[in-house]
Amino acid sequence: MRFWGALRFRLGLNSTGEAGQILDDQGSHSLIMVCRAHTGEAELHKEWADGIFVRTGTLTVVYGGTMAAQHPFGKRPGEFHSASMEGGKTQILHQGDVMHIAAGIPHWVKVTAGESSCYLVVKER
């Protein structure tokens, strides 16, 4: 537990309450550590699937809905963010839970107000 707390501190949460660090990047897949203290934006990765492994805290993941007013994000083509999402299914993830989100599926990772969570994301093409 000390490692994850130290890593979260070292990452330094930004003004949106999120911090991330790429731990490994092999081109066709990468491993990213993410810590959140607030809900971020909804995401859509047209060519990349996300595997989420919750290390600390609880996440609510909404997936399969539609993103309103999406905008390009990041350096990879086909990456979009949105301030909101309509519809979809909801899955609660606790420490130790794993979830796979296929490429092309909109998803929104939410954190309960006043809580925080750290999780690993395995991105694969």
Protein backbone atom coordinates (compact mmCIF):
# COMPACT_ATOMS: atom_id res chain seq x y z
CA MET A 1 0.00 0.00 0.00
CA ARG A 2 2.88 2.38 0.68
CA PHE A 3 4.07 2.04 -2.93
CA TRP A 4 0.70 3.14 -4.35
CA GLY A 5 0.37 6.06 -1.95
CA ALA A 6 3.92 7.19 -2.76
CA LEU A 7 3.27 6.82 -6.49
CA ARG A 8 0.06 8.86 -6.22
CA PHE A 9 1.97 11.58 -4.36
CA ARG A 10 4.83 11.48 -6.88
CA LEU A 11 2.44 11.75 -9.82
CA GLY A 12 0.93 14.94 -8.40
CA LEU A 13 -2.78 15.37 -9.13
CA ASN A 14 -3.47 18.18 -11.61
CA SER A 15 -6.26 20.79 -11.38
CA THR A 16 -8.81 18.27 -12.69
CA GLY A 17 -7.94 15.86 -9.87
CA GLU A 18 -6.18 13.38 -12.14
CA ALA A 19 -2.62 12.15 -12.52
CA GLY A 20 -1.20 9.56 -14.84
CA GLN A 21 2.13 8.07 -15.73
CA ILE A 22 3.07 5.69 -18.52
CA LEU A 23 4.90 2.83 -16.84
CA ASP A 24 5.67 0.90 -20.04
CA ASP A 25 5.03 1.48 -23.74
CA GLN A 26 5.63 -1.31 -26.27
CA GLY A 27 3.95 0.40 -29.23
CA SER A 28 1.01 -1.98 -29.63
CA HIS A 29 0.28 -1.92 -25.89
CA SER A 30 1.13 0.19 -22.87
CA LEU A 31 0.69 0.23 -19.10
CA ILE A 32 -0.49 3.44 -17.46
CA MET A 33 -0.95 4.26 -13.76
CA VAL A 34 -3.90 6.61 -13.18
CA CYS A 35 -4.97 8.27 -9.93
CA ARG A 36 -8.16 10.31 -9.70
CA ALA A 37 -9.68 12.47 -6.98
CA HIS A 38 -12.47 13.72 -9.27
CA THR A 39 -14.46 12.41 -12.20
CA GLY A 40 -12.80 13.23 -15.51
CA GLU A 41 -14.24 13.39 -19.00
CA ALA A 42 -15.81 10.55 -20.95
CA GLU A 43 -13.45 8.85 -23.44
CA LEU A 44 -13.54 7.10 -26.78
CA HIS A 45 -10.52 5.33 -28.31
CA LYS A 46 -11.35 4.14 -31.81
CA GLU A 47 -8.27 1.88 -32.14
CA TRP A 48 -7.35 1.08 -28.53
CA ALA A 49 -8.96 -1.17 -25.93
CA ASP A 50 -8.59 -0.43 -22.21
CA GLY A 51 -8.10 -3.02 -19.50
CA ILE A 52 -8.68 -1.49 -16.06
CA PHE A 53 -7.32 -3.01 -12.82
CA VAL A 54 -8.45 -1.14 -9.69
CA ARG A 55 -5.67 -0.88 -7.14
CA THR A 56 -7.28 1.45 -4.56
CA GLY A 57 -10.73 2.92 -4.09
CA THR A 58 -13.94 2.38 -6.03
CA LEU A 59 -14.80 3.43 -9.58
CA THR A 60 -18.09 3.71 -11.42
CA VAL A 61 -17.61 3.01 -15.12
CA VAL A 62 -20.36 3.97 -17.57
CA TYR A 63 -19.83 2.36 -20.97
CA GLY A 64 -21.58 1.92 -24.29
CA GLY A 65 -23.52 5.19 -24.35
CA THR A 66 -23.01 8.18 -26.64
CA MET A 67 -20.75 11.12 -25.98
CA ALA A 68 -22.13 14.60 -26.62
CA ALA A 69 -19.93 17.37 -28.07
CA GLN A 70 -16.80 15.21 -28.22
CA HIS A 71 -13.45 16.79 -28.99
CA PRO A 72 -10.10 15.28 -30.09
CA PHE A 73 -7.72 14.50 -27.25
CA GLY A 74 -4.13 13.34 -26.98
CA LYS A 75 -1.56 12.51 -29.64
CA ARG A 76 -3.13 9.35 -31.04
CA PRO A 77 -5.64 9.68 -33.90
CA GLY A 78 -9.15 8.53 -33.03
CA GLU A 79 -8.96 9.63 -29.37
CA PHE A 80 -11.86 11.75 -28.12
CA HIS A 81 -13.10 13.22 -24.84
CA SER A 82 -16.46 14.68 -23.82
CA ALA A 83 -17.77 16.46 -20.74
CA SER A 84 -20.76 14.11 -20.64
CA MET A 85 -22.23 10.87 -21.88
CA GLU A 86 -25.82 9.72 -22.36
CA GLY A 87 -27.12 6.19 -21.89
CA GLY A 88 -24.94 3.14 -21.52
CA LYS A 89 -24.50 0.56 -18.78
CA THR A 90 -22.99 1.12 -15.34
CA GLN A 91 -20.43 -1.12 -13.63
CA ILE A 92 -19.09 -0.54 -10.09
CA LEU A 93 -15.46 -1.60 -9.67
CA HIS A 94 -13.77 -2.13 -6.30
CA GLN A 95 -10.16 -2.78 -5.32
CA GLY A 96 -8.92 -5.85 -7.20
CA ASP A 97 -11.61 -5.74 -9.90
CA VAL A 98 -10.75 -5.89 -13.59
CA MET A 99 -12.75 -4.61 -16.57
CA HIS A 100 -12.09 -4.76 -20.32
CA ILE A 101 -13.42 -2.01 -22.59
CA ALA A 102 -13.17 -2.84 -26.28
CA ALA A 103 -11.88 -0.32 -28.82
CA GLY A 104 -14.61 2.01 -30.09
CA ILE A 105 -16.74 1.81 -26.92
CA PRO A 106 -17.34 5.18 -25.21
CA HIS A 107 -16.68 5.03 -21.47
CA TRP A 108 -16.67 7.34 -18.49
CA VAL A 109 -14.71 6.60 -15.31
CA LYS A 110 -16.36 8.28 -12.33
CA VAL A 111 -15.08 8.75 -8.79
CA THR A 112 -17.44 9.39 -5.88
CA ALA A 113 -17.15 12.94 -4.50
CA GLY A 114 -14.68 13.06 -1.62
CA GLU A 115 -13.10 9.74 -2.63
CA SER A 116 -10.04 8.88 -4.70
CA SER A 117 -8.90 5.85 -6.68
CA CYS A 118 -5.76 4.55 -8.36
CA TYR A 119 -5.88 2.01 -11.16
CA LEU A 120 -3.75 0.49 -13.88
CA VAL A 121 -4.82 0.78 -17.50
CA VAL A 122 -3.50 -1.65 -20.08
CA LYS A 123 -4.01 -0.10 -23.51
CA GLU A 124 -3.88 -2.52 -26.41
CA ARG A 125 -4.26 -2.05 -30.14
